[in-house]
C-alpha atoms as a PDB file:
ATOM      1  CA  UNK A   1       6.041 -41.052  -3.904  1.00  0.00           C
ATOM      2  CA  UNK A   2       7.962 -39.035  -6.364  1.00  0.00           C
ATOM      3  CA  UNK A   3       7.410 -38.313 -10.046  1.00  0.00           C
ATOM      4  CA  UNK A   4      11.173 -37.792 -10.417  1.00  0.00           C
ATOM      5  CA  UNK A   5      12.321 -39.817 -13.458  1.00  0.00           C
ATOM      6  CA  UNK A   6      15.517 -40.820 -11.628  1.00  0.00           C
ATOM      7  CA  UNK A   7      13.563 -42.618  -8.897  1.00  0.00           C
ATOM      8  CA  UNK A   8      11.238 -44.383 -11.338  1.00  0.00           C
ATOM      9  CA  UNK A   9      14.117 -46.716 -12.328  1.00  0.00           C
ATOM     10  CA  UNK A  10      14.499 -47.994  -8.759  1.00  0.00           C
ATOM     11  CA  UNK A  11      12.370 -51.121  -8.184  1.00  0.00           C
ATOM     12  CA  UNK A  12       9.748 -50.369  -5.606  1.00  0.00           C
ATOM     13  CA  UNK A  13       8.326 -52.995  -3.315  1.00  0.00           C
ATOM     14  CA  UNK A  14       6.090 -52.555  -0.312  1.00  0.00           C
ATOM     15  CA  UNK A  15       4.417 -54.543   2.419  1.00  0.00           C
ATOM     16  CA  UNK A  16       0.960 -53.329   3.386  1.00  0.00           C
ATOM     17  CA  UNK A  17      -1.937 -54.265   5.595  1.00  0.00           C
ATOM     18  CA  UNK A  18      -5.167 -55.298   3.920  1.00  0.00           C
ATOM     19  CA  UNK A  19      -7.102 -52.904   6.154  1.00  0.00           C
ATOM     20  CA  UNK A  20      -4.792 -50.014   5.227  1.00  0.00           C
ATOM     21  CA  UNK A  21      -5.715 -49.778   1.541  1.00  0.00           C
ATOM     22  CA  UNK A  22      -9.148 -48.187   1.898  1.00  0.00           C
ATOM     23  CA  UNK A  23     -10.754 -47.199  -1.384  1.00  0.00           C
ATOM     24  CA  UNK A  24      -7.563 -47.969  -3.310  1.00  0.00           C
ATOM     25  CA  UNK A  25      -6.438 -44.410  -3.980  1.00  0.00           C
ATOM     26  CA  UNK A  26      -3.051 -45.202  -2.399  1.00  0.00           C
ATOM     27  CA  UNK A  27      -2.620 -48.025  -4.934  1.00  0.00           C
ATOM     28  CA  UNK A  28      -3.073 -45.604  -7.822  1.00  0.00           C
ATOM     29  CA  UNK A  29      -0.390 -43.352  -6.330  1.00  0.00           C
ATOM     30  CA  UNK A  30       1.927 -46.325  -5.801  1.00  0.00           C
ATOM     31  CA  UNK A  31       1.430 -47.461  -9.399  1.00  0.00           C
ATOM     32  CA  UNK A  32       2.151 -43.952 -10.681  1.00  0.00           C
ATOM     33  CA  UNK A  33       5.336 -43.877  -8.600  1.00  0.00           C
ATOM     34  CA  UNK A  34       6.467 -47.155 -10.135  1.00  0.00           C
ATOM     35  CA  UNK A  35       5.721 -49.671  -7.400  1.00  0.00           C
ATOM     36  CA  UNK A  36       5.912 -53.163  -8.844  1.00  0.00           C
ATOM     37  CA  UNK A  37       4.866 -55.360  -5.911  1.00  0.00           C
ATOM     38  CA  UNK A  38       2.791 -54.853  -2.789  1.00  0.00           C
ATOM     39  CA  UNK A  39       2.753 -57.836  -0.441  1.00  0.00           C
ATOM     40  CA  UNK A  40       0.001 -58.519   2.052  1.00  0.00           C
ATOM     41  CA  UNK A  41      -0.287 -60.783   5.077  1.00  0.00           C
ATOM     42  CA  UNK A  42      -3.384 -62.488   3.708  1.00  0.00           C
ATOM     43  CA  UNK A  43      -2.673 -65.625   5.813  1.00  0.00           C
ATOM     44  CA  UNK A  44      -5.914 -67.373   4.781  1.00  0.00           C
ATOM     45  CA  UNK A  45      -9.051 -67.013   2.709  1.00  0.00           C
ATOM     46  CA  UNK A  46     -11.127 -68.556   5.512  1.00  0.00           C
ATOM     47  CA  UNK A  47     -12.906 -66.317   8.043  1.00  0.00           C
ATOM     48  CA  UNK A  48     -12.696 -68.824  10.902  1.00  0.00           C
ATOM     49  CA  UNK A  49      -8.942 -69.198  10.473  1.00  0.00           C
ATOM     50  CA  UNK A  50      -8.487 -65.427  10.155  1.00  0.00           C
ATOM     51  CA  UNK A  51     -10.465 -64.793  13.334  1.00  0.00           C
ATOM     52  CA  UNK A  52      -8.619 -67.488  15.298  1.00  0.00           C
ATOM     53  CA  UNK A  53      -5.154 -66.287  14.319  1.00  0.00           C
ATOM     54  CA  UNK A  54      -6.111 -62.768  15.394  1.00  0.00           C
ATOM     55  CA  UNK A  55      -6.379 -61.089  11.993  1.00  0.00           C
ATOM     56  CA  UNK A  56      -8.829 -58.230  11.944  1.00  0.00           C
ATOM     57  CA  UNK A  57      -9.736 -58.735   8.304  1.00  0.00           C
ATOM     58  CA  UNK A  58     -12.061 -61.062   6.422  1.00  0.00           C
ATOM     59  CA  UNK A  59     -11.685 -63.272   3.379  1.00  0.00           C
ATOM     60  CA  UNK A  60     -13.848 -60.796   1.424  1.00  0.00           C
ATOM     61  CA  UNK A  61     -11.540 -57.908   2.376  1.00  0.00           C
ATOM     62  CA  UNK A  62      -8.508 -59.957   1.309  1.00  0.00           C
ATOM     63  CA  UNK A  63     -10.025 -60.658  -2.102  1.00  0.00           C
ATOM     64  CA  UNK A  64     -11.147 -57.053  -2.549  1.00  0.00           C
ATOM     65  CA  UNK A  65      -7.673 -55.656  -1.845  1.00  0.00           C
ATOM     66  CA  UNK A  66      -6.021 -58.174  -4.158  1.00  0.00           C
ATOM     67  CA  UNK A  67      -8.492 -57.211  -6.899  1.00  0.00           C
ATOM     68  CA  UNK A  68      -7.745 -53.503  -6.365  1.00  0.00           C
ATOM     69  CA  UNK A  69      -4.005 -54.158  -6.466  1.00  0.00           C
ATOM     70  CA  UNK A  70      -4.255 -56.047  -9.757  1.00  0.00           C
ATOM     71  CA  UNK A  71      -6.544 -53.337 -11.175  1.00  0.00           C
ATOM     72  CA  UNK A  72      -3.942 -50.700 -10.277  1.00  0.00           C
ATOM     73  CA  UNK A  73      -1.362 -52.613 -12.337  1.00  0.00           C
ATOM     74  CA  UNK A  74       0.664 -53.756  -9.334  1.00  0.00           C
ATOM     75  CA  UNK A  75       1.652 -57.369  -8.683  1.00  0.00           C
ATOM     76  CA  UNK A  76       0.154 -58.489  -5.350  1.00  0.00           C
ATOM     77  CA  UNK A  77       2.200 -60.613  -3.019  1.00  0.00           C
ATOM     78  CA  UNK A  78       0.111 -63.082  -1.053  1.00  0.00           C
ATOM     79  CA  UNK A  79       1.584 -64.380   2.198  1.00  0.00           C
ATOM     80  CA  UNK A  80      -0.322 -67.450   3.405  1.00  0.00           C
ATOM     81  CA  UNK A  81      -0.080 -69.765   6.387  1.00  0.00           C
ATOM     82  CA  UNK A  82      -0.896 -73.391   5.642  1.00  0.00           C
ATOM     83  CA  UNK A  83      -1.789 -75.931   8.327  1.00  0.00           C
ATOM     84  CA  UNK A  84      -3.117 -73.849  11.218  1.00  0.00           C
ATOM     85  CA  UNK A  85      -4.961 -75.675  14.014  1.00  0.00           C
ATOM     86  CA  UNK A  86      -8.239 -74.490  12.461  1.00  0.00           C
ATOM     87  CA  UNK A  87      -7.552 -75.522   8.878  1.00  0.00           C
ATOM     88  CA  UNK A  88      -9.226 -78.442   7.186  1.00  0.00           C
ATOM     89  CA  UNK A  89      -8.653 -80.057   3.830  1.00  0.00           C
ATOM     90  CA  UNK A  90     -11.468 -77.844   2.517  1.00  0.00           C
ATOM     91  CA  UNK A  91      -9.947 -74.588   3.793  1.00  0.00           C
ATOM     92  CA  UNK A  92      -6.566 -75.570   2.393  1.00  0.00           C
ATOM     93  CA  UNK A  93      -8.079 -76.364  -1.008  1.00  0.00           C
ATOM     94  CA  UNK A  94      -9.931 -73.021  -0.936  1.00  0.00           C
ATOM     95  CA  UNK A  95      -6.636 -71.235  -0.184  1.00  0.00           C
ATOM     96  CA  UNK A  96      -5.016 -73.019  -3.119  1.00  0.00           C
ATOM     97  CA  UNK A  97      -7.954 -72.149  -5.400  1.00  0.00           C
ATOM     98  CA  UNK A  98      -7.838 -68.439  -4.511  1.00  0.00           C
ATOM     99  CA  UNK A  99      -4.041 -68.415  -4.801  1.00  0.00           C
ATOM    100  CA  UNK A 100      -4.112 -69.957  -8.265  1.00  0.00           C
ATOM    101  CA  UNK A 101      -6.765 -67.460  -9.365  1.00  0.00           C
ATOM    102  CA  UNK A 102      -4.530 -64.533  -8.393  1.00  0.00           C
ATOM    103  CA  UNK A 103      -1.346 -66.217  -9.658  1.00  0.00           C
ATOM    104  CA  UNK A 104      -2.952 -66.376 -13.093  1.00  0.00           C
ATOM    105  CA  UNK A 105      -3.357 -62.605 -12.798  1.00  0.00           C
ATOM    106  CA  UNK A 106       0.289 -62.003 -11.870  1.00  0.00           C
ATOM    107  CA  UNK A 107       0.414 -62.462  -8.088  1.00  0.00           C
ATOM    108  CA  UNK A 108       3.193 -64.271  -6.311  1.00  0.00           C
ATOM    109  CA  UNK A 109       2.460 -66.563  -3.388  1.00  0.00           C
ATOM    110  CA  UNK A 110       4.586 -67.086  -0.295  1.00  0.00           C
ATOM    111  CA  UNK A 111       3.445 -70.036   1.802  1.00  0.00           C
ATOM    112  CA  UNK A 112       4.551 -70.442   5.392  1.00  0.00           C
ATOM    113  CA  UNK A 113       3.965 -74.004   6.557  1.00  0.00           C
ATOM    114  CA  UNK A 114       2.473 -74.138  10.033  1.00  0.00           C
ATOM    115  CA  UNK A 115       1.822 -71.309  12.453  1.00  0.00           C
ATOM    116  CA  UNK A 116       5.066 -70.195  14.095  1.00  0.00           C
ATOM    117  CA  UNK A 117       4.827 -70.287  17.852  1.00  0.00           C
ATOM    118  CA  UNK A 118       8.008 -68.779  19.275  1.00  0.00           C
ATOM    119  CA  UNK A 119       8.052 -66.961  22.599  1.00  0.00           C
ATOM    120  CA  UNK A 120       6.042 -63.759  22.673  1.00  0.00           C
ATOM    121  CA  UNK A 121       3.584 -64.746  19.954  1.00  0.00           C
ATOM    122  CA  UNK A 122      -0.095 -64.591  20.958  1.00  0.00           C
ATOM    123  CA  UNK A 123      -0.677 -68.255  20.146  1.00  0.00           C
ATOM    124  CA  UNK A 124       1.694 -69.322  22.946  1.00  0.00           C
ATOM    125  CA  UNK A 125      -1.093 -68.515  25.416  1.00  0.00           C
ATOM    126  CA  UNK A 126      -2.820 -71.661  24.115  1.00  0.00           C
ATOM    127  CA  UNK A 127      -0.445 -74.470  25.079  1.00  0.00           C
ATOM    128  CA  UNK A 128      -2.929 -77.127  23.945  1.00  0.00           C
ATOM    129  CA  UNK A 129      -2.516 -75.908  20.354  1.00  0.00           C
ATOM    130  CA  UNK A 130       1.263 -76.195  20.258  1.00  0.00           C
ATOM    131  CA  UNK A 131       3.984 -78.680  19.491  1.00  0.00           C
ATOM    132  CA  UNK A 132       7.085 -78.205  21.584  1.00  0.00           C
ATOM    133  CA  UNK A 133      10.726 -79.038  21.011  1.00  0.00           C
ATOM    134  CA  UNK A 134      12.754 -79.986  24.054  1.00  0.00           C
ATOM    135  CA  UNK A 135      16.412 -79.078  24.455  1.00  0.00           C
ATOM    136  CA  UNK A 136      18.906 -80.162  27.088  1.00  0.00           C
ATOM    137  CA  UNK A 137      21.377 -77.421  27.905  1.00  0.00           C
ATOM    138  CA  UNK A 138      24.363 -77.922  30.202  1.00  0.00           C
ATOM    139  CA  UNK A 139      23.724 -76.329  33.564  1.00  0.00           C
ATOM    140  CA  UNK A 140      19.920 -76.401  33.401  1.00  0.00           C
ATOM    141  CA  UNK A 141      18.177 -78.562  35.993  1.00  0.00           C
ATOM    142  CA  UNK A 142      15.450 -79.619  33.598  1.00  0.00           C
ATOM    143  CA  UNK A 143      15.035 -79.697  29.805  1.00  0.00           C
ATOM    144  CA  UNK A 144      14.027 -76.465  28.089  1.00  0.00           C
ATOM    145  CA  UNK A 145      10.665 -76.605  26.271  1.00  0.00           C
ATOM    146  CA  UNK A 146      10.389 -74.293  23.275  1.00  0.00           C
ATOM    147  CA  UNK A 147       7.035 -73.675  21.526  1.00  0.00           C
ATOM    148  CA  UNK A 148       7.840 -74.773  17.978  1.00  0.00           C
ATOM    149  CA  UNK A 149       4.629 -74.573  15.956  1.00  0.00           C
ATOM    150  CA  UNK A 150       0.899 -74.955  16.140  1.00  0.00           C
ATOM    151  CA  UNK A 151      -0.561 -78.434  15.779  1.00  0.00           C
ATOM    152  CA  UNK A 152      -2.715 -79.623  12.900  1.00  0.00           C
ATOM    153  CA  UNK A 153      -5.802 -81.238  14.435  1.00  0.00           C
ATOM    154  CA  UNK A 154      -7.570 -82.413  11.300  1.00  0.00           C
ATOM    155  CA  UNK A 155      -6.176 -85.962  10.763  1.00  0.00           C
ATOM    156  CA  UNK A 156      -6.588 -85.934   6.987  1.00  0.00           C
ATOM    157  CA  UNK A 157      -4.901 -82.542   6.701  1.00  0.00           C
ATOM    158  CA  UNK A 158      -2.134 -83.600   9.113  1.00  0.00           C
ATOM    159  CA  UNK A 159      -1.286 -86.494   6.787  1.00  0.00           C
ATOM    160  CA  UNK A 160      -1.218 -84.177   3.770  1.00  0.00           C
ATOM    161  CA  UNK A 161       0.923 -81.654   5.672  1.00  0.00           C
ATOM    162  CA  UNK A 162       3.425 -84.325   6.724  1.00  0.00           C
ATOM    163  CA  UNK A 163       3.719 -85.616   3.160  1.00  0.00           C
ATOM    164  CA  UNK A 164       4.142 -82.096   1.785  1.00  0.00           C
ATOM    165  CA  UNK A 165       6.799 -81.202   4.350  1.00  0.00           C
ATOM    166  CA  UNK A 166       8.794 -84.356   3.564  1.00  0.00           C
ATOM    167  CA  UNK A 167       8.997 -83.204  -0.058  1.00  0.00           C
ATOM    168  CA  UNK A 168      10.244 -79.718   0.771  1.00  0.00           C
END
């Protein structure tokens, strides 16, 4: 983090972990160095969803770090996952509410629809949570099943998710 005037003209963007910000001193240094955006893998503002997707942070920690980022004069980037197996209409509406609150304060939001479930991801250990795509490849004796995404179990939310995805 340099005070060199030549480097201050270069746009500075960073990706950080919510649990790596601490008391916020690093944010002050980033702001002084000219950082414009720091993006976080917030994923959700719901503790149950956060716990089930394996995040080691809480909704309160997410909000606190976003507040500190705004206070430091840096635009926070909020990466969210919509439509996890543990989401409900209420959790989705809460995510939208929190997102709008921070958008009004300068944040940008990046929404990833559904939980990705490719090979090697922890969620693939839970086959009952996944939708699969099947591919027939020449030379294979049986079709190849690929874990595509996590299912949405809440029927009302599943309908909303399907309608939203058709519009994208």
